[in-house]
PDB file of N, CA and C in Angstrom:
ATOM      1  N   MET A   1      18.580  88.373   9.685  1.00  0.00           N
ATOM      2  CA  MET A   1      18.831  89.750   9.298  1.00  0.00           C
ATOM      3  C   MET A   1      18.153  90.648  10.333  1.00  0.00           C
ATOM      4  N   THR A   2      18.855  91.713  10.670  1.00  0.00           N
ATOM      5  CA  THR A   2      18.331  92.740  11.558  1.00  0.00           C
ATOM      6  C   THR A   2      18.234  94.029  10.760  1.00  0.00           C
ATOM      7  N   THR A   3      17.098  94.721  10.874  1.00  0.00           N
ATOM      8  CA  THR A   3      16.874  95.947  10.110  1.00  0.00           C
ATOM      9  C   THR A   3      16.633  97.109  11.055  1.00  0.00           C
ATOM     10  N   TYR A   4      17.261  98.243  10.734  1.00  0.00           N
ATOM     11  CA  TYR A   4      17.100  99.470  11.511  1.00  0.00           C
ATOM     12  C   TYR A   4      16.800 100.612  10.554  1.00  0.00           C
ATOM     13  N   ILE A   5      16.081 101.600  11.040  1.00  0.00           N
ATOM     14  CA  ILE A   5      15.958 102.881  10.343  1.00  0.00           C
ATOM     15  C   ILE A   5      16.809 103.850  11.152  1.00  0.00           C
ATOM     16  N   ILE A   6      17.806 104.437  10.492  1.00  0.00           N
ATOM     17  CA  ILE A   6      18.756 105.297  11.194  1.00  0.00           C
ATOM     18  C   ILE A   6      18.747 106.692  10.582  1.00  0.00           C
ATOM     19  N   GLU A   7      19.240 107.644  11.336  1.00  0.00           N
ATOM     20  CA  GLU A   7      19.328 109.023  10.859  1.00  0.00           C
ATOM     21  C   GLU A   7      20.785 109.429  10.790  1.00  0.00           C
ATOM     22  N   SER A   8      21.182 109.994   9.663  1.00  0.00           N
ATOM     23  CA  SER A   8      22.557 110.457   9.495  1.00  0.00           C
ATOM     24  C   SER A   8      22.730 111.802  10.201  1.00  0.00           C
ATOM     25  N   PRO A   9      23.970 112.245  10.376  1.00  0.00           N
ATOM     26  CA  PRO A   9      24.203 113.548  11.010  1.00  0.00           C
ATOM     27  C   PRO A   9      23.547 114.720  10.264  1.00  0.00           C
ATOM     28  N   THR A  10      23.258 114.526   8.968  1.00  0.00           N
ATOM     29  CA  THR A  10      22.625 115.590   8.188  1.00  0.00           C
ATOM     30  C   THR A  10      21.104 115.526   8.242  1.00  0.00           C
ATOM     31  N   GLY A  11      20.553 114.556   8.984  1.00  0.00           N
ATOM     32  CA  GLY A  11      19.110 114.451   9.140  1.00  0.00           C
ATOM     33  C   GLY A  11      18.423 113.522   8.165  1.00  0.00           C
ATOM     34  N   GLU A  12      19.164 112.922   7.228  1.00  0.00           N
ATOM     35  CA  GLU A  12      18.574 111.978   6.285  1.00  0.00           C
ATOM     36  C   GLU A  12      18.331 110.642   6.980  1.00  0.00           C
ATOM     37  N   THR A  13      17.253 109.941   6.602  1.00  0.00           N
ATOM     38  CA  THR A  13      17.021 108.615   7.159  1.00  0.00           C
ATOM     39  C   THR A  13      17.488 107.554   6.170  1.00  0.00           C
ATOM     40  N   HIS A  14      17.962 106.445   6.703  1.00  0.00           N
ATOM     41  CA  HIS A  14      18.488 105.344   5.901  1.00  0.00           C
ATOM     42  C   HIS A  14      18.029 104.021   6.491  1.00  0.00           C
ATOM     43  N   LYS A  15      17.899 103.022   5.630  1.00  0.00           N
ATOM     44  CA  LYS A  15      17.566 101.665   6.057  1.00  0.00           C
ATOM     45  C   LYS A  15      18.881 100.894   6.182  1.00  0.00           C
ATOM     46  N   LEU A  16      19.170 100.416   7.380  1.00  0.00           N
ATOM     47  CA  LEU A  16      20.385  99.667   7.664  1.00  0.00           C
ATOM     48  C   LEU A  16      19.999  98.228   7.937  1.00  0.00           C
ATOM     49  N   GLU A  17      20.578  97.290   7.180  1.00  0.00           N
ATOM     50  CA  GLU A  17      20.327  95.873   7.375  1.00  0.00           C
ATOM     51  C   GLU A  17      21.655  95.174   7.668  1.00  0.00           C
ATOM     52  N   ILE A  18      21.651  94.317   8.671  1.00  0.00           N
ATOM     53  CA  ILE A  18      22.852  93.598   9.056  1.00  0.00           C
ATOM     54  C   ILE A  18      22.560  92.106   8.940  1.00  0.00           C
ATOM     55  N   VAL A  19      23.381  91.398   8.155  1.00  0.00           N
ATOM     56  CA  VAL A  19      23.197  89.972   7.920  1.00  0.00           C
ATOM     57  C   VAL A  19      24.435  89.246   8.428  1.00  0.00           C
ATOM     58  N   LYS A  20      24.243  88.289   9.333  1.00  0.00           N
ATOM     59  CA  LYS A  20      25.362  87.507   9.858  1.00  0.00           C
ATOM     60  C   LYS A  20      25.527  86.257   9.007  1.00  0.00           C
ATOM     61  N   THR A  21      26.755  86.035   8.548  1.00  0.00           N
ATOM     62  CA  THR A  21      27.082  84.837   7.789  1.00  0.00           C
ATOM     63  C   THR A  21      28.303  84.203   8.440  1.00  0.00           C
ATOM     64  N   GLY A  22      28.084  83.155   9.205  1.00  0.00           N
ATOM     65  CA  GLY A  22      29.185  82.534   9.930  1.00  0.00           C
ATOM     66  C   GLY A  22      29.681  83.460  11.016  1.00  0.00           C
ATOM     67  N   ASN A  23      30.969  83.786  10.989  1.00  0.00           N
ATOM     68  CA  ASN A  23      31.575  84.684  11.970  1.00  0.00           C
ATOM     69  C   ASN A  23      31.684  86.113  11.462  1.00  0.00           C
ATOM     70  N   TYR A  24      31.084  86.401  10.322  1.00  0.00           N
ATOM     71  CA  TYR A  24      31.211  87.720   9.718  1.00  0.00           C
ATOM     72  C   TYR A  24      29.845  88.330   9.460  1.00  0.00           C
ATOM     73  N   TYR A  25      29.839  89.619   9.185  1.00  0.00           N
ATOM     74  CA  TYR A  25      28.616  90.369   8.939  1.00  0.00           C
ATOM     75  C   TYR A  25      28.706  91.075   7.596  1.00  0.00           C
ATOM     76  N   ARG A  26      27.558  91.216   6.945  1.00  0.00           N
ATOM     77  CA  ARG A  26      27.437  92.060   5.759  1.00  0.00           C
ATOM     78  C   ARG A  26      26.477  93.166   6.132  1.00  0.00           C
ATOM     79  N   VAL A  27      26.819  94.377   5.761  1.00  0.00           N
ATOM     80  CA  VAL A  27      26.013  95.540   6.113  1.00  0.00           C
ATOM     81  C   VAL A  27      25.485  96.175   4.828  1.00  0.00           C
ATOM     82  N   PHE A  28      24.171  96.337   4.772  1.00  0.00           N
ATOM     83  CA  PHE A  28      23.507  96.974   3.646  1.00  0.00           C
ATOM     84  C   PHE A  28      22.947  98.311   4.124  1.00  0.00           C
ATOM     85  N   VAL A  29      23.198  99.363   3.367  1.00  0.00           N
ATOM     86  CA  VAL A  29      22.617 100.672   3.657  1.00  0.00           C
ATOM     87  C   VAL A  29      21.806 101.064   2.435  1.00  0.00           C
ATOM     88  N   ASP A  30      20.508 101.232   2.647  1.00  0.00           N
ATOM     89  CA  ASP A  30      19.582 101.563   1.557  1.00  0.00           C
ATOM     90  C   ASP A  30      19.680 100.551   0.410  1.00  0.00           C
ATOM     91  N   GLY A  31      19.905  99.282   0.753  1.00  0.00           N
ATOM     92  CA  GLY A  31      19.947  98.214  -0.242  1.00  0.00           C
ATOM     93  C   GLY A  31      21.304  97.994  -0.877  1.00  0.00           C
ATOM     94  N   PHE A  32      22.255  98.863  -0.634  1.00  0.00           N
ATOM     95  CA  PHE A  32      23.588  98.717  -1.209  1.00  0.00           C
ATOM     96  C   PHE A  32      24.521  98.077  -0.191  1.00  0.00           C
ATOM     97  N   VAL A  33      25.437  97.258  -0.664  1.00  0.00           N
ATOM     98  CA  VAL A  33      26.377  96.571   0.210  1.00  0.00           C
ATOM     99  C   VAL A  33      27.788  96.804  -0.298  1.00  0.00           C
ATOM    100  N   ASP A  34      28.695  96.975   0.651  1.00  0.00           N
ATOM    101  CA  ASP A  34      30.110  97.004   0.296  1.00  0.00           C
ATOM    102  C   ASP A  34      30.476  95.589  -0.108  1.00  0.00           C
ATOM    103  N   ASP A  35      31.472  95.419  -0.921  1.00  0.00           N
ATOM    104  CA  ASP A  35      31.829  94.106  -1.448  1.00  0.00           C
ATOM    105  C   ASP A  35      32.696  93.297  -0.486  1.00  0.00           C
ATOM    106  N   LYS A  36      32.599  93.567   0.809  1.00  0.00           N
ATOM    107  CA  LYS A  36      33.417  92.850   1.779  1.00  0.00           C
ATOM    108  C   LYS A  36      32.573  92.451   2.985  1.00  0.00           C
ATOM    109  N   THR A  37      33.083  91.522   3.744  1.00  0.00           N
ATOM    110  CA  THR A  37      32.457  91.164   5.004  1.00  0.00           C
ATOM    111  C   THR A  37      33.311  91.747   6.117  1.00  0.00           C
ATOM    112  N   ILE A  38      32.695  91.981   7.278  1.00  0.00           N
ATOM    113  CA  ILE A  38      33.428  92.563   8.393  1.00  0.00           C
ATOM    114  C   ILE A  38      33.232  91.706   9.645  1.00  0.00           C
ATOM    115  N   THR A  39      34.154  91.838  10.565  1.00  0.00           N
ATOM    116  CA  THR A  39      34.062  91.109  11.823  1.00  0.00           C
ATOM    117  C   THR A  39      33.108  91.834  12.766  1.00  0.00           C
ATOM    118  N   GLU A  40      32.750  91.172  13.851  1.00  0.00           N
ATOM    119  CA  GLU A  40      31.870  91.800  14.839  1.00  0.00           C
ATOM    120  C   GLU A  40      32.513  93.057  15.415  1.00  0.00           C
ATOM    121  N   GLU A  41      33.809  93.023  15.659  1.00  0.00           N
ATOM    122  CA  GLU A  41      34.515  94.198  16.192  1.00  0.00           C
ATOM    123  C   GLU A  41      34.427  95.376  15.224  1.00  0.00           C
ATOM    124  N   GLU A  42      34.638  95.105  13.938  1.00  0.00           N
ATOM    125  CA  GLU A  42      34.553  96.164  12.929  1.00  0.00           C
ATOM    126  C   GLU A  42      33.128  96.707  12.825  1.00  0.00           C
ATOM    127  N   LEU A  43      32.133  95.817  12.922  1.00  0.00           N
ATOM    128  CA  LEU A  43      30.745  96.243  12.876  1.00  0.00           C
ATOM    129  C   LEU A  43      30.413  97.172  14.037  1.00  0.00           C
ATOM    130  N   LEU A  44      30.805  96.795  15.233  1.00  0.00           N
ATOM    131  CA  LEU A  44      30.524  97.623  16.410  1.00  0.00           C
ATOM    132  C   LEU A  44      31.219  98.971  16.319  1.00  0.00           C
ATOM    133  N   ARG A  45      32.450  98.970  15.827  1.00  0.00           N
ATOM    134  CA  ARG A  45      33.193 100.232  15.683  1.00  0.00           C
ATOM    135  C   ARG A  45      32.479 101.149  14.678  1.00  0.00           C
ATOM    136  N   GLU A  46      32.005 100.583  13.579  1.00  0.00           N
ATOM    137  CA  GLU A  46      31.302 101.376  12.569  1.00  0.00           C
ATOM    138  C   GLU A  46      29.962 101.899  13.085  1.00  0.00           C
ATOM    139  N   LEU A  47      29.261 101.102  13.872  1.00  0.00           N
ATOM    140  CA  LEU A  47      27.992 101.554  14.418  1.00  0.00           C
ATOM    141  C   LEU A  47      28.181 102.690  15.416  1.00  0.00           C
ATOM    142  N   GLU A  48      29.313 102.691  16.126  1.00  0.00           N
ATOM    143  CA  GLU A  48      29.600 103.760  17.069  1.00  0.00           C
ATOM    144  C   GLU A  48      30.011 105.045  16.373  1.00  0.00           C
ATOM    145  N   ASN A  49      30.656 104.922  15.209  1.00  0.00           N
ATOM    146  CA  ASN A  49      31.162 106.084  14.473  1.00  0.00           C
ATOM    147  C   ASN A  49      30.813 105.956  12.993  1.00  0.00           C
ATOM    148  N   PRO A  50      29.539 106.118  12.622  1.00  0.00           N
ATOM    149  CA  PRO A  50      29.144 105.935  11.220  1.00  0.00           C
ATOM    150  C   PRO A  50      29.828 106.949  10.310  1.00  0.00           C
ATOM    151  N   THR A  51      30.082 106.513   9.070  1.00  0.00           N
ATOM    152  CA  THR A  51      30.759 107.375   8.099  1.00  0.00           C
ATOM    153  C   THR A  51      29.841 107.898   7.022  1.00  0.00           C
ATOM    154  N   PHE A  52      28.545 107.622   7.104  1.00  0.00           N
ATOM    155  CA  PHE A  52      27.646 108.113   6.048  1.00  0.00           C
ATOM    156  C   PHE A  52      26.949 109.367   6.484  1.00  0.00           C
TER     157      PHE A  52
END
């Protein structure tokens, strides 16, 4: 697991955790996880353009 402290565009800080399971990743933000796994390409795209 890799953990980051990130800042949203509104100035709020969040704890981002990324867990690799096989060829996929699970992303937790402030302890919450979406109910899906994503590929490395999807993870990189989301990190470049966060939606939170």
